[in-house]
C-alpha atoms as a PDB file:
ATOM      1  CA  MET A   1       0.089   0.011  -0.072  1.00  0.00           C
ATOM      2  CA  LYS A   2       2.856   2.348   0.661  1.00  0.00           C
ATOM      3  CA  LYS A   3       4.374   1.679  -2.512  1.00  0.00           C
ATOM      4  CA  VAL A   4       1.251   2.404  -4.325  1.00  0.00           C
ATOM      5  CA  LEU A   5       0.932   5.733  -2.352  1.00  0.00           C
ATOM      6  CA  GLY A   6       4.376   6.373  -2.995  1.00  0.00           C
ATOM      7  CA  PHE A   7       3.930   6.331  -6.718  1.00  0.00           C
ATOM      8  CA  TYR A   8       0.814   9.021  -6.605  1.00  0.00           C
ATOM      9  CA  ARG A   9       2.882  11.320  -4.341  1.00  0.00           C
ATOM     10  CA  THR A  10       5.770  11.008  -6.887  1.00  0.00           C
ATOM     11  CA  PHE A  11       3.397  11.675  -9.730  1.00  0.00           C
ATOM     12  CA  LEU A  12       2.036  14.787  -8.152  1.00  0.00           C
ATOM     13  CA  GLN A  13       5.585  15.946  -7.589  1.00  0.00           C
ATOM     14  CA  THR A  14       6.373  15.506 -11.111  1.00  0.00           C
ATOM     15  CA  LEU A  15       3.938  18.352 -11.969  1.00  0.00           C
ATOM     16  CA  LYS A  16       6.125  20.841 -10.076  1.00  0.00           C
ATOM     17  CA  PRO A  17       9.350  22.178 -12.078  1.00  0.00           C
ATOM     18  CA  LYS A  18      11.312  22.885  -8.811  1.00  0.00           C
ATOM     19  CA  ASN A  19      11.333  19.305  -7.968  1.00  0.00           C
ATOM     20  CA  TYR A  20      13.405  18.432 -11.049  1.00  0.00           C
ATOM     21  CA  GLU A  21      16.725  18.768  -9.480  1.00  0.00           C
ATOM     22  CA  ASP A  22      15.991  15.728  -7.303  1.00  0.00           C
ATOM     23  CA  PHE A  23      14.462  13.787 -10.077  1.00  0.00           C
ATOM     24  CA  ALA A  24      17.513  14.482 -12.415  1.00  0.00           C
ATOM     25  CA  GLU A  25      19.915  13.055  -9.808  1.00  0.00           C
ATOM     26  CA  SER A  26      17.797  10.168  -8.839  1.00  0.00           C
ATOM     27  CA  THR A  27      19.247   6.836  -9.526  1.00  0.00           C
ATOM     28  CA  LEU A  28      18.491   4.760 -12.784  1.00  0.00           C
ATOM     29  CA  LYS A  29      16.969   1.974 -10.677  1.00  0.00           C
ATOM     30  CA  ASN A  30      14.321   4.365  -9.018  1.00  0.00           C
ATOM     31  CA  SER A  31      13.517   6.113 -12.215  1.00  0.00           C
ATOM     32  CA  PHE A  32      12.883   2.748 -14.177  1.00  0.00           C
ATOM     33  CA  ASN A  33      10.738   1.588 -11.207  1.00  0.00           C
ATOM     34  CA  TYR A  34       8.663   4.749 -11.367  1.00  0.00           C
ATOM     35  CA  TYR A  35       8.370   4.315 -15.072  1.00  0.00           C
ATOM     36  CA  SER A  36       7.131   0.684 -14.796  1.00  0.00           C
ATOM     37  CA  SER A  37       4.595   1.892 -12.215  1.00  0.00           C
ATOM     38  CA  LEU A  38       3.555   4.873 -14.448  1.00  0.00           C
ATOM     39  CA  ILE A  39       2.784   2.586 -17.481  1.00  0.00           C
ATOM     40  CA  ILE A  40       0.926   0.054 -15.146  1.00  0.00           C
ATOM     41  CA  ASN A  41      -1.279   3.008 -13.839  1.00  0.00           C
ATOM     42  CA  ALA A  42      -1.718   4.555 -17.372  1.00  0.00           C
ATOM     43  CA  PHE A  43      -2.767   1.163 -18.636  1.00  0.00           C
ATOM     44  CA  LEU A  44      -5.511   0.809 -15.959  1.00  0.00           C
ATOM     45  CA  VAL A  45      -6.735   4.309 -16.540  1.00  0.00           C
ATOM     46  CA  PHE A  46      -6.746   3.830 -20.433  1.00  0.00           C
ATOM     47  CA  MET A  47      -8.886   0.644 -19.979  1.00  0.00           C
ATOM     48  CA  ILE A  48     -11.322   2.602 -17.724  1.00  0.00           C
ATOM     49  CA  ILE A  49     -11.889   5.518 -20.298  1.00  0.00           C
ATOM     50  CA  MET A  50     -12.219   2.896 -22.992  1.00  0.00           C
ATOM     51  CA  ILE A  51     -15.306   1.187 -21.250  1.00  0.00           C
ATOM     52  CA  PRO A  52     -17.804   3.188 -23.040  1.00  0.00           C
ATOM     53  CA  ALA A  53     -16.343   2.611 -26.440  1.00  0.00           C
ATOM     54  CA  ALA A  54     -16.099  -1.251 -25.736  1.00  0.00           C
ATOM     55  CA  VAL A  55     -19.700  -1.069 -24.532  1.00  0.00           C
ATOM     56  CA  GLN A  56     -20.776   0.322 -27.853  1.00  0.00           C
ATOM     57  CA  MET A  57     -18.421  -1.558 -30.007  1.00  0.00           C
ATOM     58  CA  PRO A  58     -21.258  -3.795 -31.498  1.00  0.00           C
ATOM     59  CA  ASN A  59     -23.335  -0.770 -32.575  1.00  0.00           C
ATOM     60  CA  THR A  60     -20.080   0.795 -33.940  1.00  0.00           C
ATOM     61  CA  ILE A  61     -19.354  -2.236 -35.987  1.00  0.00           C
ATOM     62  CA  GLU A  62     -23.030  -2.645 -37.195  1.00  0.00           C
ATOM     63  CA  SER A  63     -23.049   1.145 -38.165  1.00  0.00           C
ATOM     64  CA  TYR A  64     -19.823   0.534 -40.435  1.00  0.00           C
ATOM     65  CA  ILE A  65     -21.408  -2.451 -42.020  1.00  0.00           C
ATOM     66  CA  ILE A  66     -24.693  -0.650 -42.650  1.00  0.00           C
ATOM     67  CA  ASN A  67     -23.383   2.809 -43.821  1.00  0.00           C
ATOM     68  CA  ASP A  68     -19.794   2.015 -45.318  1.00  0.00           C
ATOM     69  CA  ILE A  69     -20.281  -1.352 -46.999  1.00  0.00           C
ATOM     70  CA  ASP A  70     -22.620  -2.002 -49.996  1.00  0.00           C
ATOM     71  CA  THR A  71     -22.169  -5.792 -50.244  1.00  0.00           C
ATOM     72  CA  LEU A  72     -20.557  -8.244 -47.905  1.00  0.00           C
ATOM     73  CA  ASN A  73     -21.083 -11.868 -48.331  1.00  0.00           C
ATOM     74  CA  PHE A  74     -19.186 -14.815 -46.874  1.00  0.00           C
ATOM     75  CA  ASP A  75     -19.536 -17.855 -49.177  1.00  0.00           C
ATOM     76  CA  ILE A  76     -17.030 -20.315 -47.810  1.00  0.00           C
ATOM     77  CA  ASN A  77     -17.106 -23.928 -48.756  1.00  0.00           C
ATOM     78  CA  ILE A  78     -14.801 -26.027 -46.645  1.00  0.00           C
ATOM     79  CA  LYS A  79     -13.979 -29.723 -46.395  1.00  0.00           C
ATOM     80  CA  THR A  80     -11.464 -31.303 -44.283  1.00  0.00           C
ATOM     81  CA  ASN A  81     -10.030 -34.847 -44.129  1.00  0.00           C
ATOM     82  CA  SER A  82      -9.291 -34.288 -40.675  1.00  0.00           C
ATOM     83  CA  PRO A  83      -9.614 -31.911 -37.803  1.00  0.00           C
ATOM     84  CA  ILE A  84      -7.234 -28.722 -38.315  1.00  0.00           C
ATOM     85  CA  LEU A  85      -5.659 -27.938 -35.074  1.00  0.00           C
ATOM     86  CA  ILE A  86      -4.156 -24.595 -34.181  1.00  0.00           C
ATOM     87  CA  PRO A  87      -1.614 -25.079 -32.754  1.00  0.00           C
ATOM     88  CA  LYS A  88      -1.213 -28.759 -33.081  1.00  0.00           C
ATOM     89  CA  ASP A  89      -0.089 -29.246 -29.537  1.00  0.00           C
ATOM     90  CA  ASN A  90      -2.554 -27.961 -26.921  1.00  0.00           C
ATOM     91  CA  PRO A  91      -4.978 -26.466 -29.693  1.00  0.00           C
ATOM     92  CA  VAL A  92      -6.647 -23.076 -29.222  1.00  0.00           C
ATOM     93  CA  LEU A  93      -8.628 -23.424 -32.270  1.00  0.00           C
ATOM     94  CA  LEU A  94      -9.969 -26.461 -33.870  1.00  0.00           C
ATOM     95  CA  ILE A  95     -11.657 -26.529 -37.314  1.00  0.00           C
ATOM     96  CA  ASN A  96     -13.621 -29.400 -38.375  1.00  0.00           C
ATOM     97  CA  TYR A  97     -15.652 -29.957 -41.504  1.00  0.00           C
ATOM     98  CA  GLN A  98     -16.449 -33.690 -41.434  1.00  0.00           C
ATOM     99  CA  ASN A  99     -19.541 -35.802 -40.905  1.00  0.00           C
ATOM    100  CA  MET A 100     -17.927 -37.287 -37.733  1.00  0.00           C
ATOM    101  CA  THR A 101     -17.401 -35.591 -34.552  1.00  0.00           C
ATOM    102  CA  PRO A 102     -13.738 -34.680 -33.419  1.00  0.00           C
ATOM    103  CA  ASN A 103     -12.064 -36.593 -30.760  1.00  0.00           C
ATOM    104  CA  GLN A 104      -9.901 -33.490 -29.928  1.00  0.00           C
ATOM    105  CA  THR A 105     -11.013 -30.500 -28.167  1.00  0.00           C
ATOM    106  CA  ALA A 106     -10.041 -26.836 -27.963  1.00  0.00           C
ATOM    107  CA  ASN A 107     -10.865 -23.395 -26.518  1.00  0.00           C
ATOM    108  CA  VAL A 108     -12.677 -22.447 -29.798  1.00  0.00           C
ATOM    109  CA  ILE A 109     -14.107 -25.129 -31.921  1.00  0.00           C
ATOM    110  CA  ILE A 110     -15.703 -24.670 -35.432  1.00  0.00           C
ATOM    111  CA  ASP A 111     -17.450 -27.813 -36.214  1.00  0.00           C
ATOM    112  CA  ASN A 112     -19.924 -27.671 -39.388  1.00  0.00           C
ATOM    113  CA  ASP A 113     -20.571 -24.173 -39.314  1.00  0.00           C
ATOM    114  CA  VAL A 114     -21.249 -24.188 -35.272  1.00  0.00           C
ATOM    115  CA  LEU A 115     -18.884 -22.294 -33.393  1.00  0.00           C
ATOM    116  CA  TYR A 116     -18.302 -23.630 -29.671  1.00  0.00           C
ATOM    117  CA  ALA A 117     -16.284 -21.561 -27.332  1.00  0.00           C
ATOM    118  CA  GLY A 118     -15.639 -21.416 -23.588  1.00  0.00           C
ATOM    119  CA  PHE A 119     -14.994 -18.002 -22.101  1.00  0.00           C
ATOM    120  CA  LEU A 120     -15.097 -16.909 -18.154  1.00  0.00           C
ATOM    121  CA  PHE A 121     -16.425 -20.258 -17.127  1.00  0.00           C
ATOM    122  CA  LYS A 122     -19.411 -20.261 -19.564  1.00  0.00           C
ATOM    123  CA  LYS A 123     -19.880 -22.033 -23.018  1.00  0.00           C
ATOM    124  CA  PHE A 124     -21.004 -20.402 -25.965  1.00  0.00           C
ATOM    125  CA  VAL A 125     -22.785 -21.960 -29.054  1.00  0.00           C
ATOM    126  CA  LYS A 126     -23.127 -20.075 -32.157  1.00  0.00           C
ATOM    127  CA  ASP A 127     -24.471 -21.098 -35.583  1.00  0.00           C
ATOM    128  CA  LEU A 128     -22.416 -19.602 -38.322  1.00  0.00           C
ATOM    129  CA  GLU A 129     -24.981 -19.908 -41.179  1.00  0.00           C
ATOM    130  CA  PRO A 130     -26.761 -16.481 -40.298  1.00  0.00           C
ATOM    131  CA  TYR A 131     -23.552 -14.730 -40.747  1.00  0.00           C
ATOM    132  CA  ARG A 132     -22.851 -15.610 -44.509  1.00  0.00           C
ATOM    133  CA  ASP A 133     -24.698 -12.554 -45.459  1.00  0.00           C
ATOM    134  CA  ALA A 134     -23.093  -9.709 -43.359  1.00  0.00           C
ATOM    135  CA  LYS A 135     -25.108  -6.926 -44.791  1.00  0.00           C
ATOM    136  CA  GLN A 136     -28.373  -8.578 -44.270  1.00  0.00           C
ATOM    137  CA  ASN A 137     -27.666  -9.623 -40.787  1.00  0.00           C
ATOM    138  CA  SER A 138     -25.541  -6.706 -39.743  1.00  0.00           C
ATOM    139  CA  GLY A 139     -26.707  -6.880 -36.047  1.00  0.00           C
ATOM    140  CA  ALA A 140     -25.774 -10.442 -35.739  1.00  0.00           C
ATOM    141  CA  VAL A 141     -22.491 -10.009 -37.486  1.00  0.00           C
ATOM    142  CA  SER A 142     -21.532  -7.106 -35.336  1.00  0.00           C
ATOM    143  CA  ASN A 143     -22.342  -8.868 -32.028  1.00  0.00           C
ATOM    144  CA  PHE A 144     -20.450 -12.144 -33.257  1.00  0.00           C
ATOM    145  CA  VAL A 145     -17.200  -9.873 -34.239  1.00  0.00           C
ATOM    146  CA  ALA A 146     -17.481  -8.187 -30.596  1.00  0.00           C
ATOM    147  CA  PHE A 147     -17.773 -11.773 -29.225  1.00  0.00           C
ATOM    148  CA  ILE A 148     -14.565 -12.874 -30.975  1.00  0.00           C
ATOM    149  CA  LEU A 149     -12.641  -9.601 -29.870  1.00  0.00           C
ATOM    150  CA  LEU A 150     -13.997 -10.496 -26.277  1.00  0.00           C
ATOM    151  CA  LEU A 151     -12.260 -13.964 -26.583  1.00  0.00           C
ATOM    152  CA  MET A 152      -9.277 -12.380 -27.584  1.00  0.00           C
ATOM    153  CA  LEU A 153      -9.372  -9.727 -24.978  1.00  0.00           C
ATOM    154  CA  PRO A 154      -6.451 -11.287 -22.629  1.00  0.00           C
ATOM    155  CA  THR A 155      -4.100 -11.330 -25.643  1.00  0.00           C
ATOM    156  CA  LEU A 156      -5.261  -7.906 -26.979  1.00  0.00           C
ATOM    157  CA  LEU A 157      -4.601  -6.254 -23.432  1.00  0.00           C
ATOM    158  CA  LEU A 158      -1.092  -7.900 -23.272  1.00  0.00           C
ATOM    159  CA  ILE A 159       0.052  -6.477 -26.823  1.00  0.00           C
ATOM    160  CA  LEU A 160      -1.469  -2.990 -25.703  1.00  0.00           C
ATOM    161  CA  PHE A 161       0.460  -2.987 -22.403  1.00  0.00           C
ATOM    162  CA  PHE A 162       3.861  -3.821 -24.058  1.00  0.00           C
ATOM    163  CA  TYR A 163       2.780  -1.266 -27.056  1.00  0.00           C
ATOM    164  CA  LEU A 164       2.523   1.384 -24.395  1.00  0.00           C
ATOM    165  CA  LEU A 165       5.773   0.396 -22.613  1.00  0.00           C
ATOM    166  CA  ILE A 166       7.823   0.511 -25.763  1.00  0.00           C
ATOM    167  CA  LYS A 167       6.230   3.578 -27.348  1.00  0.00           C
ATOM    168  CA  TYR A 168       6.754   5.928 -24.367  1.00  0.00           C
ATOM    169  CA  PHE A 169      10.163   4.535 -23.537  1.00  0.00           C
ATOM    170  CA  ILE A 170      11.109   5.453 -27.304  1.00  0.00           C
ATOM    171  CA  ILE A 171       9.615   8.943 -26.852  1.00  0.00           C
ATOM    172  CA  ILE A 172      11.746   9.374 -23.487  1.00  0.00           C
ATOM    173  CA  ILE A 173      14.937   8.284 -25.330  1.00  0.00           C
ATOM    174  CA  LEU A 174      14.264  10.840 -28.096  1.00  0.00           C
ATOM    175  CA  ALA A 175      13.449  13.611 -25.618  1.00  0.00           C
ATOM    176  CA  ALA A 176      16.537  12.858 -23.800  1.00  0.00           C
ATOM    177  CA  LEU A 177      18.608  13.148 -26.870  1.00  0.00           C
ATOM    178  CA  ILE A 178      17.059  16.243 -28.018  1.00  0.00           C
ATOM    179  CA  GLY A 179      17.569  17.520 -24.678  1.00  0.00           C
ATOM    180  CA  ALA A 180      21.281  16.580 -24.820  1.00  0.00           C
ATOM    181  CA  ILE A 181      21.724  18.519 -28.076  1.00  0.00           C
ATOM    182  CA  LEU A 182      19.996  21.594 -26.850  1.00  0.00           C
ATOM    183  CA  SER A 183      21.567  21.725 -23.601  1.00  0.00           C
ATOM    184  CA  PRO A 184      24.745  23.651 -24.481  1.00  0.00           C
ATOM    185  CA  ILE A 185      22.716  25.652 -26.772  1.00  0.00           C
ATOM    186  CA  ILE A 186      20.725  27.164 -24.143  1.00  0.00           C
ATOM    187  CA  GLY A 187      23.760  27.623 -22.054  1.00  0.00           C
ATOM    188  CA  TYR A 188      23.807  24.568 -19.317  1.00  0.00           C
ATOM    189  CA  ARG A 189      26.142  21.756 -19.104  1.00  0.00           C
ATOM    190  CA  THR A 190      24.880  18.660 -17.528  1.00  0.00           C
ATOM    191  CA  LYS A 191      25.161  14.865 -17.345  1.00  0.00           C
ATOM    192  CA  PHE A 192      22.935  12.882 -20.072  1.00  0.00           C
ATOM    193  CA  ARG A 193      21.816  10.814 -17.096  1.00  0.00           C
ATOM    194  CA  TYR A 194      20.381  13.547 -15.503  1.00  0.00           C
ATOM    195  CA  ILE A 195      18.329  14.568 -18.670  1.00  0.00           C
ATOM    196  CA  PHE A 196      17.389  10.854 -19.216  1.00  0.00           C
ATOM    197  CA  ASN A 197      15.809  11.100 -15.619  1.00  0.00           C
ATOM    198  CA  SER A 198      14.026  14.348 -16.201  1.00  0.00           C
ATOM    199  CA  ALA A 199      12.510  12.866 -19.221  1.00  0.00           C
ATOM    200  CA  ILE A 200      11.221   9.713 -17.476  1.00  0.00           C
ATOM    201  CA  TYR A 201       9.693  11.799 -14.849  1.00  0.00           C
ATOM    202  CA  GLY A 202       8.566  14.480 -17.118  1.00  0.00           C
ATOM    203  CA  ILE A 203       6.601  12.315 -19.318  1.00  0.00           C
ATOM    204  CA  SER A 204       4.404  11.538 -16.724  1.00  0.00           C
ATOM    205  CA  LEU A 205       1.564  14.094 -17.488  1.00  0.00           C
ATOM    206  CA  SER A 206       2.150  13.643 -21.192  1.00  0.00           C
ATOM    207  CA  ILE A 207       1.125  10.018 -21.102  1.00  0.00           C
ATOM    208  CA  PHE A 208      -2.104  10.702 -19.485  1.00  0.00           C
ATOM    209  CA  LEU A 209      -2.906  13.521 -21.771  1.00  0.00           C
ATOM    210  CA  ASP A 210      -1.981  11.415 -24.776  1.00  0.00           C
ATOM    211  CA  LEU A 211      -4.399   8.413 -23.759  1.00  0.00           C
ATOM    212  CA  ILE A 212      -7.402  10.862 -23.045  1.00  0.00           C
ATOM    213  CA  PHE A 213      -6.762  12.696 -26.120  1.00  0.00           C
ATOM    214  CA  PHE A 214      -6.846   9.372 -27.916  1.00  0.00           C
ATOM    215  CA  ALA A 215      -9.903   8.031 -26.289  1.00  0.00           C
ATOM    216  CA  VAL A 216     -11.911  11.322 -27.162  1.00  0.00           C
ATOM    217  CA  GLY A 217     -10.332  11.484 -30.688  1.00  0.00           C
ATOM    218  CA  PHE A 218      -8.509  14.886 -30.104  1.00  0.00           C
ATOM    219  CA  SER A 219      -5.396  15.468 -31.991  1.00  0.00           C
ATOM    220  CA  PHE A 220      -3.479  18.809 -32.562  1.00  0.00           C
ATOM    221  CA  TYR A 221       0.077  18.461 -33.458  1.00  0.00           C
ATOM    222  CA  LYS A 222       1.078  16.247 -30.675  1.00  0.00           C
ATOM    223  CA  ILE A 223       0.431  19.154 -28.076  1.00  0.00           C
ATOM    224  CA  GLN A 224       0.195  16.507 -25.309  1.00  0.00           C
ATOM    225  CA  PHE A 225       4.206  16.115 -25.353  1.00  0.00           C
ATOM    226  CA  LEU A 226       4.653  19.884 -24.699  1.00  0.00           C
ATOM    227  CA  PRO A 227       4.808  19.365 -21.035  1.00  0.00           C
ATOM    228  CA  LEU A 228       7.389  16.531 -21.647  1.00  0.00           C
ATOM    229  CA  ALA A 229       9.604  19.363 -23.302  1.00  0.00           C
ATOM    230  CA  PHE A 230       8.877  21.729 -20.449  1.00  0.00           C
ATOM    231  CA  TYR A 231      10.056  19.385 -17.845  1.00  0.00           C
ATOM    232  CA  VAL A 232      12.980  18.169 -19.579  1.00  0.00           C
ATOM    233  CA  ILE A 233      14.121  21.701 -20.005  1.00  0.00           C
ATOM    234  CA  SER A 234      13.437  22.370 -16.187  1.00  0.00           C
ATOM    235  CA  GLY A 235      15.733  19.344 -15.484  1.00  0.00           C
ATOM    236  CA  ILE A 236      18.569  20.580 -17.454  1.00  0.00           C
ATOM    237  CA  ARG A 237      18.318  24.024 -15.902  1.00  0.00           C
ATOM    238  CA  LYS A 238      17.807  22.475 -12.347  1.00  0.00           C
ATOM    239  CA  SER A 239      20.648  19.873 -12.632  1.00  0.00           C
ATOM    240  CA  GLY A 240      22.893  21.911 -15.058  1.00  0.00           C
ATOM    241  CA  MET A 241      25.806  24.192 -14.521  1.00  0.00           C
ATOM    242  CA  LYS A 242      25.355  27.461 -16.380  1.00  0.00           C
ATOM    243  CA  VAL A 243      28.157  28.088 -18.679  1.00  0.00           C
ATOM    244  CA  ASP A 244      29.321  31.417 -20.551  1.00  0.00           C
ATOM    245  CA  LYS A 245      29.136  31.762 -24.266  1.00  0.00           C
ATOM    246  CA  LYS A 246      32.695  30.421 -24.755  1.00  0.00           C
ATOM    247  CA  MET A 247      31.534  27.266 -23.286  1.00  0.00           C
ATOM    248  CA  LYS A 248      28.400  26.586 -25.037  1.00  0.00           C
ATOM    249  CA  ASN A 249      29.891  24.555 -27.909  1.00  0.00           C
ATOM    250  CA  LYS A 250      31.230  21.954 -25.426  1.00  0.00           C
ATOM    251  CA  PHE A 251      29.436  18.710 -25.648  1.00  0.00           C
ATOM    252  CA  ILE A 252      27.288  17.465 -22.710  1.00  0.00           C
ATOM    253  CA  GLU A 253      29.051  14.943 -20.149  1.00  0.00           C
ATOM    254  CA  ILE A 254      27.880  11.314 -21.047  1.00  0.00           C
ATOM    255  CA  ARG A 255      27.869   9.496 -17.915  1.00  0.00           C
END
């Protein structure tokens, strides 16, 4: 509990430029621990703000089918000599178009145009025949697509988490490199580690703005990353040594 409260206290402190001398001189271990907690919390917040969109997903899919698609038919004729297992060991998906019932089992089974799936301790059975004419049966198709996405939800969430983790870390590196280039230009000399730490803590507000803007569909020249630039400059000024004009061309200390 103390660790959780400690993260939120630190997050609030990242909003104050005067704290960036301490943040800049933080150990890399503490910085990375904070970043991992930041991504976890941002991920949870993003899931919460996306709940309305997830609830409306069947209606959204149906709207696309009705308004944006003229014709959408699925006329698939499949015959299998033996059940198709994906993967072969411990299969997740089994496809069978034979007259005989397969002996194998899987999480999701398509058996002669009937879908069987187990999810959250419940079993679902869906007849796929109505979905062949997607335009005519837009409501059923949209619900079916939403159902499939729901089955894939754990995998999708895992992919999303690592996407956020990598995306914002790349932005941190870019911000630190740009800060290192600008540091002597604006008349300050500091260590690259200090700039990097400032970028890690300084991205806090920008991450939440970025996710909120994405959820509401707002985009304006990446304005959400202006706080990151401001806090990186604050870190440079707080941790750096001011140099005279003759020293401005000296490179930053990389250590």
